[in-house]
Amino acid sequence: MIKDVAVLGAGSWGTALAILLSDKGVNTTLWARSSSHAKEIEKERENLKYLKGFKFPSSLKVTSNLKEAISQKDALLFVVPSHGMRNTAKEVGRLLNGKSLPNVIVSCVKGIENDTLKTMTEVLEEELPRGCASILSVLSGPSFAKEVAQKVPTAVTVASNSQEISQGVQRLFHTDYFRVYSTYDIVGVQLGGAVKNVLAIAAGISDGLGFGTNSRAALITRGLAEMSRLGIKLGANPLTFSGLAGLGDLVLTCTGDLSRNRQVGLKLGQGKSMDDILSSMSMVAEGVKTSKSLYELSKKHDVDMPITANVYKVIYEGLNPRQCVKALLERPLKHELHGVD
């Protein structure tokens, strides 16, 4: 049974999960990398920077001391930005080395590492002590942090190679407003969470250019085809992409106004520069960095991902969004269900 949990990462999602668990009566410690941020949260008993308006339960502990945060915990939740996962995992690995391990480690991070093109669990396997590989799991699905904090009914998926681990995570998070399904497809669940962020930028660009719901529906559907093609090539179960971690998260992120990735796309479509957009944001839009990873991954595995490729070119090569649309529409005509499109 999981009684003591460390949530590593005090952004909006980490904060929402920490509040959920603490409300349930789980002994929960929220770790913030910045000591000043941790002190502010502790003083205000609220994360004014990333999740304003939601007071912390009195039992929720806050610290910037990583050793203190992970000491004698049954579960560790990694909820840091994908580009910070390796460094955080490396620090945790040093502290865990030679000591008793937690019962379960959960990655709640949606992204692919830029330099190595590895998933977050692959990064964790490399940086944590060897025994941690068997206790890894992934939590993903359509879940805006603010709505979870508001206790809006939400359903997500946990992926693990172990049924015992999956069931433990299900029990840990389950409430009357937060339901967790399980799967063995660690690869598919992680790819779904990563690809959907890039596709949400594409949907935002479309909306920012003033296109209608026809265009958005086309992007979501053909984006799902890209997600599935890459996933199948990398060994995922194709059914995963019609579930919560695939289609569910894709629809939410491409249509919801709370989506940071969609907001990036909207501003790109309205003609704003990438530098101006990023400088105006206080939170990370994972799709920006992930578009580079997925573009390289698709080339490495020879998977046709035209929407992803064009998002990459808009962000990193300065392609005009209208040229991006023209390039997509002028591609050779294909059969919808056979071969690459």
Protein backbone atom coordinates (compact mmCIF):
# COMPACT_ATOMS: atom_id res chain seq x y z
CA MET A 1 0.00 0.00 0.00
CA ILE A 2 1.28 3.47 -0.91
CA LYS A 3 1.11 5.85 2.04
CA ASP A 4 3.96 8.34 1.52
CA VAL A 5 4.50 10.12 -1.81
CA ALA A 6 6.92 12.68 -3.20
CA VAL A 7 5.75 14.82 -6.11
CA LEU A 8 8.85 16.10 -7.89
CA GLY A 9 7.94 19.28 -9.73
CA ALA A 10 5.85 22.21 -8.52
CA GLY A 11 4.39 23.32 -11.83
CA SER A 12 0.64 23.30 -12.44
CA TRP A 13 0.33 19.53 -13.00
CA GLY A 14 2.56 18.52 -10.11
CA THR A 15 0.66 20.90 -7.83
CA ALA A 16 -2.73 19.55 -8.94
CA LEU A 17 -1.64 15.95 -8.31
CA ALA A 18 -0.14 16.84 -4.92
CA ILE A 19 -3.40 18.50 -3.85
CA LEU A 20 -5.42 15.49 -5.08
CA LEU A 21 -3.29 13.03 -3.12
CA SER A 22 -3.12 15.14 0.02
CA ASP A 23 -6.90 15.61 -0.06
CA LYS A 24 -7.18 11.81 -0.10
CA GLY A 25 -5.17 11.56 3.10
CA VAL A 26 -1.94 10.41 1.44
CA ASN A 27 1.18 11.80 3.13
CA THR A 28 2.42 14.00 0.29
CA THR A 29 5.51 16.15 -0.16
CA LEU A 30 5.71 18.60 -3.08
CA TRP A 31 9.26 19.38 -4.23
CA ALA A 32 10.11 22.64 -5.99
CA ARG A 33 13.56 23.06 -7.55
CA SER A 34 13.69 26.76 -6.65
CA SER A 35 14.04 27.47 -2.92
CA SER A 36 12.36 30.87 -3.36
CA HIS A 37 9.40 29.24 -5.10
CA ALA A 38 9.11 26.64 -2.35
CA LYS A 39 9.18 29.35 0.33
CA GLU A 40 6.50 31.36 -1.46
CA ILE A 41 4.27 28.30 -1.82
CA GLU A 42 4.75 27.36 1.82
CA LYS A 43 4.00 30.91 2.97
CA GLU A 44 0.89 31.37 0.82
CA ARG A 45 -0.23 27.72 0.96
CA GLU A 46 -1.03 28.17 -2.71
CA ASN A 47 0.96 28.01 -5.95
CA LEU A 48 0.36 31.58 -7.11
CA LYS A 49 2.77 31.22 -10.03
CA TYR A 50 1.41 28.07 -11.67
CA LEU A 51 -1.98 27.16 -10.17
CA LYS A 52 -3.52 30.21 -8.59
CA GLY A 53 -6.77 29.94 -6.69
CA PHE A 54 -6.36 26.51 -5.10
CA LYS A 55 -5.39 26.44 -1.43
CA PHE A 56 -3.23 23.57 -0.20
CA PRO A 57 -4.53 21.05 2.33
CA SER A 58 -2.90 21.67 5.70
CA SER A 59 -1.15 18.28 5.53
CA LEU A 60 0.65 18.95 2.19
CA LYS A 61 4.37 19.49 2.77
CA VAL A 62 6.52 21.69 0.53
CA THR A 63 10.31 21.63 0.23
CA SER A 64 13.18 22.46 -2.12
CA ASN A 65 15.41 19.86 -0.43
CA LEU A 66 15.38 16.85 -2.76
CA LYS A 67 16.90 14.48 -0.20
CA GLU A 68 14.20 15.40 2.29
CA ALA A 69 11.48 15.09 -0.37
CA ILE A 70 12.30 11.53 -1.45
CA SER A 71 13.39 10.12 1.91
CA GLN A 72 11.39 7.04 2.97
CA LYS A 73 8.73 7.46 0.28
CA ASP A 74 6.61 4.61 -1.10
CA ALA A 75 6.16 6.41 -4.44
CA LEU A 76 8.02 9.05 -6.44
CA LEU A 77 6.14 11.08 -9.06
CA PHE A 78 8.27 12.85 -11.67
CA VAL A 79 6.35 15.92 -12.87
CA VAL A 80 9.16 18.12 -14.19
CA PRO A 81 9.44 19.53 -17.75
CA SER A 82 10.78 16.91 -20.17
CA HIS A 83 14.00 18.87 -20.75
CA GLY A 84 14.67 18.75 -17.00
CA MET A 85 13.89 15.07 -16.53
CA ARG A 86 17.43 13.74 -16.95
CA ASN A 87 19.05 16.14 -14.50
CA THR A 88 16.34 15.55 -11.90
CA ALA A 89 16.55 11.78 -12.38
CA LYS A 90 20.33 11.93 -12.06
CA GLU A 91 20.06 13.78 -8.74
CA VAL A 92 17.45 11.33 -7.47
CA GLY A 93 19.57 8.41 -8.65
CA ARG A 94 22.55 9.59 -6.62
CA LEU A 95 20.39 9.92 -3.50
CA LEU A 96 18.77 6.50 -3.97
CA ASN A 97 22.01 4.68 -4.77
CA GLY A 98 22.65 1.98 -2.17
CA LYS A 99 19.45 2.79 -0.30
CA SER A 100 16.03 1.17 -0.18
CA LEU A 101 13.96 1.95 -3.25
CA PRO A 102 10.34 3.15 -3.35
CA ASN A 103 7.57 0.72 -4.30
CA VAL A 104 6.68 2.60 -7.46
CA ILE A 105 7.99 5.42 -9.65
CA VAL A 106 5.55 7.29 -11.88
CA SER A 107 6.44 9.49 -14.86
CA CYS A 108 3.80 12.17 -15.38
CA VAL A 109 5.85 13.95 -18.05
CA LYS A 110 4.80 14.25 -21.70
CA GLY A 111 7.74 14.67 -24.04
CA ILE A 112 10.68 13.13 -25.90
CA GLU A 113 14.24 14.13 -25.00
CA ASN A 114 15.81 16.32 -27.68
CA ASP A 115 19.37 15.03 -27.77
CA THR A 116 18.76 11.30 -27.38
CA LEU A 117 15.20 10.96 -28.76
CA LYS A 118 14.40 8.81 -25.74
CA THR A 119 11.09 8.57 -23.87
CA MET A 120 10.91 9.68 -20.27
CA THR A 121 10.94 6.11 -18.91
CA GLU A 122 14.05 5.38 -20.97
CA VAL A 123 15.70 8.42 -19.38
CA LEU A 124 14.66 7.22 -15.92
CA GLU A 125 16.01 3.73 -16.60
CA GLU A 126 19.38 5.21 -17.54
CA GLU A 127 19.71 7.54 -14.56
CA LEU A 128 18.07 5.70 -11.65
CA PRO A 129 19.49 2.65 -9.86
CA ARG A 130 19.08 -0.62 -11.79
CA GLY A 131 16.28 -1.95 -9.57
CA CYS A 132 14.03 0.97 -10.52
CA ALA A 133 13.33 -0.33 -14.05
CA SER A 134 10.83 -2.89 -12.75
CA ILE A 135 8.84 -0.34 -10.73
CA LEU A 136 8.39 2.32 -13.44
CA SER A 137 4.98 3.44 -14.67
CA VAL A 138 3.51 6.27 -16.74
CA LEU A 139 0.43 8.38 -15.99
CA SER A 140 -1.10 10.17 -18.98
CA GLY A 141 -4.39 11.20 -20.57
CA PRO A 142 -6.71 14.18 -21.09
CA SER A 143 -6.21 16.16 -17.91
CA PHE A 144 -5.81 19.91 -17.59
CA ALA A 145 -4.30 20.68 -14.18
CA LYS A 146 -6.79 23.45 -13.42
CA GLU A 147 -9.80 21.21 -14.05
CA VAL A 148 -8.36 18.43 -11.89
CA ALA A 149 -7.82 20.98 -9.12
CA GLN A 150 -11.47 22.04 -9.62
CA LYS A 151 -12.44 18.35 -9.20
CA VAL A 152 -13.93 18.16 -12.67
CA PRO A 153 -14.57 14.48 -13.60
CA THR A 154 -11.42 13.22 -15.35
CA ALA A 155 -10.18 9.88 -16.70
CA VAL A 156 -6.55 9.00 -17.41
CA THR A 157 -4.41 5.90 -18.02
CA VAL A 158 -1.50 4.33 -16.16
CA ALA A 159 0.92 2.14 -18.11
CA SER A 160 3.24 -0.41 -16.53
CA ASN A 161 4.73 -3.81 -17.33
CA SER A 162 3.47 -4.96 -13.95
CA GLN A 163 -0.21 -5.44 -13.18
CA GLU A 164 0.59 -5.05 -9.49
CA ILE A 165 2.23 -1.67 -10.12
CA SER A 166 -0.66 -0.52 -12.33
CA GLN A 167 -3.24 -1.49 -9.75
CA GLY A 168 -1.27 0.27 -7.02
CA VAL A 169 -1.19 3.50 -9.03
CA GLN A 170 -4.90 3.16 -9.83
CA ARG A 171 -5.74 2.86 -6.15
CA LEU A 172 -3.39 5.70 -5.24
CA PHE A 173 -5.04 8.24 -7.53
CA HIS A 174 -8.65 7.07 -7.68
CA THR A 175 -11.25 9.49 -6.30
CA ASP A 176 -14.90 10.22 -7.02
CA TYR A 177 -13.77 12.65 -9.74
CA PHE A 178 -10.47 11.11 -10.96
CA ARG A 179 -10.63 7.68 -12.60
CA VAL A 180 -7.55 5.73 -13.72
CA TYR A 181 -7.54 2.95 -16.33
CA SER A 182 -4.55 0.65 -16.87
CA THR A 183 -2.54 -0.74 -19.78
CA TYR A 184 0.75 -2.49 -20.47
CA ASP A 185 1.59 -0.19 -23.39
CA ILE A 186 4.29 2.06 -21.91
CA VAL A 187 5.59 3.06 -25.36
CA GLY A 188 2.18 3.96 -26.80
CA VAL A 189 1.03 5.95 -23.79
CA GLN A 190 4.21 8.04 -23.83
CA LEU A 191 4.13 8.65 -27.59
CA GLY A 192 0.48 9.68 -27.42
CA GLY A 193 1.29 12.24 -24.72
CA ALA A 194 4.23 13.62 -26.69
CA VAL A 195 2.78 13.77 -30.21
CA LYS A 196 -0.50 15.38 -29.17
CA ASN A 197 1.33 18.47 -27.92
CA VAL A 198 2.87 19.08 -31.36
CA LEU A 199 -0.47 18.51 -33.07
CA ALA A 200 -2.07 21.01 -30.68
CA ILE A 201 0.35 23.65 -31.95
CA ALA A 202 -0.79 22.78 -35.49
CA ALA A 203 -4.44 23.12 -34.47
CA GLY A 204 -3.69 26.45 -32.82
CA ILE A 205 -1.94 27.71 -35.96
CA SER A 206 -5.01 26.76 -37.97
CA ASP A 207 -7.31 28.62 -35.59
CA GLY A 208 -4.92 31.59 -35.48
CA LEU A 209 -5.02 31.83 -39.28
CA GLY A 210 -8.80 32.07 -39.06
CA PHE A 211 -9.61 28.64 -40.46
CA GLY A 212 -12.71 26.86 -39.25
CA THR A 213 -13.68 23.68 -37.47
CA ASN A 214 -13.37 21.70 -40.72
CA SER A 215 -9.65 22.41 -40.69
CA ARG A 216 -9.24 21.57 -37.03
CA ALA A 217 -11.09 18.26 -37.43
CA ALA A 218 -8.87 17.36 -40.38
CA LEU A 219 -5.73 18.13 -38.39
CA ILE A 220 -6.87 16.07 -35.41
CA THR A 221 -7.78 13.09 -37.58
CA ARG A 222 -4.69 13.12 -39.79
CA GLY A 223 -2.58 13.90 -36.73
CA LEU A 224 -3.92 10.78 -35.10
CA ALA A 225 -2.78 8.84 -38.18
CA GLU A 226 0.74 10.25 -37.72
CA MET A 227 0.72 9.34 -34.04
CA SER A 228 -0.39 5.78 -34.84
CA ARG A 229 2.19 5.30 -37.62
CA LEU A 230 5.07 6.30 -35.39
CA GLY A 231 3.73 4.30 -32.47
CA ILE A 232 3.32 1.10 -34.45
CA LYS A 233 6.85 1.49 -35.85
CA LEU A 234 8.19 1.73 -32.30
CA GLY A 235 6.23 -1.26 -31.02
CA ALA A 236 3.14 0.33 -29.49
CA ASN A 237 -0.31 -1.23 -29.48
CA PRO A 238 -2.37 0.59 -32.17
CA LEU A 239 -5.46 0.46 -29.93
CA THR A 240 -3.72 2.75 -27.45
CA PHE A 241 -4.11 5.65 -29.86
CA SER A 242 -7.89 5.37 -29.88
CA GLY A 243 -7.90 5.55 -26.07
CA LEU A 244 -7.44 8.18 -23.39
CA ALA A 245 -3.68 8.62 -23.86
CA GLY A 246 -4.12 8.98 -27.64
CA LEU A 247 -7.34 10.36 -29.07
CA GLY A 248 -8.62 11.56 -25.71
CA ASP A 249 -5.60 13.70 -24.93
CA LEU A 250 -5.32 14.80 -28.57
CA VAL A 251 -8.88 16.16 -28.70
CA LEU A 252 -8.52 17.92 -25.36
CA THR A 253 -5.23 19.61 -26.23
CA CYS A 254 -6.26 20.63 -29.75
CA THR A 255 -9.57 22.18 -28.69
CA GLY A 256 -9.22 23.35 -25.08
CA ASP A 257 -8.42 26.97 -24.28
CA LEU A 258 -6.33 25.83 -21.28
CA SER A 259 -3.86 24.14 -23.66
CA ARG A 260 -0.54 26.00 -23.62
CA ASN A 261 0.50 24.29 -26.85
CA ARG A 262 -2.65 25.39 -28.64
CA GLN A 263 -2.05 28.93 -27.38
CA VAL A 264 1.46 28.87 -28.88
CA GLY A 265 -0.05 27.83 -32.21
CA LEU A 266 -2.74 30.51 -32.05
CA LYS A 267 -0.10 33.21 -31.61
CA LEU A 268 2.04 31.78 -34.42
CA GLY A 269 -1.00 31.82 -36.68
CA GLN A 270 -1.65 35.43 -35.73
CA GLY A 271 1.84 36.38 -36.88
CA LYS A 272 3.73 36.61 -33.59
CA SER A 273 7.36 35.47 -33.44
CA MET A 274 8.47 32.39 -31.55
CA ASP A 275 10.81 34.46 -29.37
CA ASP A 276 8.02 36.84 -28.37
CA ILE A 277 5.65 33.97 -27.63
CA LEU A 278 8.11 32.12 -25.39
CA SER A 279 9.18 35.26 -23.55
CA SER A 280 5.56 35.98 -22.66
CA MET A 281 4.93 32.51 -21.16
CA SER A 282 5.55 31.58 -17.53
CA MET A 283 4.86 27.88 -18.08
CA VAL A 284 6.37 25.33 -20.46
CA ALA A 285 4.65 24.38 -23.71
CA GLU A 286 6.13 20.90 -24.21
CA GLY A 287 5.22 20.76 -27.90
CA VAL A 288 7.85 23.37 -28.81
CA LYS A 289 10.81 21.18 -27.85
CA THR A 290 9.01 17.93 -28.66
CA SER A 291 8.41 19.01 -32.27
CA LYS A 292 12.18 18.86 -32.78
CA SER A 293 12.45 15.41 -31.15
CA LEU A 294 9.58 13.98 -33.18
CA TYR A 295 10.85 15.46 -36.43
CA GLU A 296 14.21 13.76 -35.86
CA LEU A 297 12.55 10.55 -34.65
CA SER A 298 10.34 10.36 -37.74
CA LYS A 299 13.38 10.75 -39.99
CA LYS A 300 15.36 8.16 -38.01
CA HIS A 301 12.61 5.56 -38.39
CA ASP A 302 11.44 6.65 -41.85
CA VAL A 303 7.90 7.46 -40.72
CA ASP A 304 5.93 10.03 -42.73
CA MET A 305 4.67 12.74 -40.34
CA PRO A 306 3.88 15.78 -42.52
CA ILE A 307 1.95 17.80 -39.92
CA THR A 308 4.69 17.31 -37.34
CA ALA A 309 7.36 18.19 -39.91
CA ASN A 310 5.62 21.44 -40.82
CA VAL A 311 5.18 22.46 -37.18
CA TYR A 312 8.91 21.88 -36.73
CA LYS A 313 9.67 24.05 -39.77
CA VAL A 314 7.45 26.88 -38.53
CA ILE A 315 9.12 26.87 -35.10
CA TYR A 316 12.74 26.17 -36.01
CA GLU A 317 13.13 27.22 -39.64
CA GLY A 318 10.82 30.21 -39.75
CA LEU A 319 8.40 28.76 -42.30
CA ASN A 320 5.39 31.02 -42.75
CA PRO A 321 2.29 29.26 -41.35
CA ARG A 322 0.35 29.89 -44.58
CA GLN A 323 3.13 28.21 -46.55
CA CYS A 324 2.83 25.32 -44.13
CA VAL A 325 -0.87 24.90 -44.98
CA LYS A 326 -0.15 25.17 -48.71
CA ALA A 327 2.56 22.50 -48.44
CA LEU A 328 0.21 20.11 -46.66
CA LEU A 329 -2.66 20.58 -49.10
CA GLU A 330 -0.48 20.23 -52.20
CA ARG A 331 0.96 16.87 -51.20
CA PRO A 332 0.22 13.97 -53.63
CA LEU A 333 -3.25 12.45 -53.22
CA LYS A 334 -3.34 9.22 -51.22
CA HIS A 335 -5.70 6.51 -50.05
CA GLU A 336 -6.84 7.23 -46.49
CA LEU A 337 -6.41 3.72 -45.08
CA HIS A 338 -3.50 2.23 -46.99
CA GLY A 339 0.18 3.14 -46.99
CA VAL A 340 1.54 6.45 -45.72
CA ASP A 341 -0.38 9.62 -46.37
